[in-house]
C-alpha atoms as a PDB file:
ATOM      1  CA  MET A   1      -3.058 127.439  82.508  1.00  0.00           C
ATOM      2  CA  TRP A   2      -4.155 126.502  86.019  1.00  0.00           C
ATOM      3  CA  TRP A   3      -6.710 124.079  84.631  1.00  0.00           C
ATOM      4  CA  LEU A   4      -4.106 122.367  82.440  1.00  0.00           C
ATOM      5  CA  MET A   5      -1.743 122.033  85.385  1.00  0.00           C
ATOM      6  CA  GLU A   6      -4.480 120.454  87.506  1.00  0.00           C
ATOM      7  CA  ARG A   7      -5.289 117.939  84.747  1.00  0.00           C
ATOM      8  CA  TRP A   8      -1.610 117.048  84.349  1.00  0.00           C
ATOM      9  CA  LEU A   9      -1.149 116.562  88.099  1.00  0.00           C
ATOM     10  CA  ASP A  10      -4.173 114.243  88.243  1.00  0.00           C
ATOM     11  CA  ASN A  11      -2.065 111.525  86.592  1.00  0.00           C
ATOM     12  CA  PHE A  12       0.360 111.220  89.526  1.00  0.00           C
ATOM     13  CA  ASP A  13      -0.126 109.024  92.583  1.00  0.00           C
ATOM     14  CA  TYR A  14       1.384 111.589  94.948  1.00  0.00           C
ATOM     15  CA  ARG A  15      -0.014 114.913  93.939  1.00  0.00           C
ATOM     16  CA  ILE A  16      -0.368 118.362  95.360  1.00  0.00           C
ATOM     17  CA  HIS A  17      -3.314 120.700  95.060  1.00  0.00           C
ATOM     18  CA  VAL A  18      -2.519 123.876  93.190  1.00  0.00           C
ATOM     19  CA  SER A  19      -4.854 126.719  94.015  1.00  0.00           C
ATOM     20  CA  VAL A  20      -5.811 129.482  91.642  1.00  0.00           C
ATOM     21  CA  LEU A  21      -4.299 131.960  94.098  1.00  0.00           C
ATOM     22  CA  SER A  22      -0.840 130.403  93.765  1.00  0.00           C
ATOM     23  CA  VAL A  23      -0.978 131.022  90.010  1.00  0.00           C
ATOM     24  CA  LEU A  24      -2.746 134.386  90.090  1.00  0.00           C
ATOM     25  CA  MET A  25      -0.687 136.039  92.837  1.00  0.00           C
ATOM     26  CA  PRO A  26       2.662 136.068  90.968  1.00  0.00           C
ATOM     27  CA  VAL A  27       0.941 137.439  87.872  1.00  0.00           C
ATOM     28  CA  VAL A  28      -0.620 140.280  89.877  1.00  0.00           C
ATOM     29  CA  LEU A  29       2.678 140.979  91.645  1.00  0.00           C
ATOM     30  CA  LEU A  30       4.579 141.065  88.364  1.00  0.00           C
ATOM     31  CA  GLY A  31       1.971 143.395  86.869  1.00  0.00           C
ATOM     32  CA  ALA A  32       2.290 145.738  89.851  1.00  0.00           C
ATOM     33  CA  VAL A  33       6.088 145.836  89.507  1.00  0.00           C
ATOM     34  CA  ILE A  34       5.787 146.601  85.784  1.00  0.00           C
ATOM     35  CA  VAL A  35       3.254 149.388  86.340  1.00  0.00           C
ATOM     36  CA  LEU A  36       5.343 150.904  89.147  1.00  0.00           C
ATOM     37  CA  THR A  37       8.514 150.801  87.041  1.00  0.00           C
ATOM     38  CA  VAL A  38       6.848 152.477  84.064  1.00  0.00           C
ATOM     39  CA  PHE A  39       5.225 155.087  86.326  1.00  0.00           C
ATOM     40  CA  LEU A  40       8.549 155.980  87.949  1.00  0.00           C
ATOM     41  CA  LYS A  41      10.305 156.287  84.583  1.00  0.00           C
ATOM     42  CA  VAL A  42       7.537 158.522  83.207  1.00  0.00           C
ATOM     43  CA  TRP A  43       7.500 160.616  86.394  1.00  0.00           C
ATOM     44  CA  GLY A  44      11.257 161.119  86.188  1.00  0.00           C
ATOM     45  CA  SER A  45      11.003 162.133  82.543  1.00  0.00           C
ATOM     46  CA  MET A  46       8.228 164.623  83.271  1.00  0.00           C
ATOM     47  CA  ARG A  47      10.250 166.324  85.987  1.00  0.00           C
ATOM     48  CA  GLU A  48      13.280 166.938  83.751  1.00  0.00           C
ATOM     49  CA  ASN A  49      13.594 170.181  81.870  1.00  0.00           C
ATOM     50  CA  ILE A  50      13.970 169.178  78.231  1.00  0.00           C
ATOM     51  CA  VAL A  51      15.540 172.488  77.222  1.00  0.00           C
ATOM     52  CA  GLU A  52      18.296 172.062  79.807  1.00  0.00           C
ATOM     53  CA  GLU A  53      18.965 168.505  78.655  1.00  0.00           C
ATOM     54  CA  LEU A  54      19.132 169.460  74.968  1.00  0.00           C
ATOM     55  CA  ARG A  55      21.470 172.361  75.653  1.00  0.00           C
ATOM     56  CA  TYR A  56      24.297 169.969  76.543  1.00  0.00           C
ATOM     57  CA  GLU A  57      23.947 167.781  73.467  1.00  0.00           C
END
């Protein structure tokens, strides 16, 4: 994706340089948020007592 963006920007007179880091950093940050969210949901589910939860249903 970065390579395609660089090729597309080559056609403009006034262009900016897009580094790999500016594309990779949001992907890594989004992945970390996803992993943290899933971990917290699983941790919360593990701490609950299933028998107590089913008793009220």
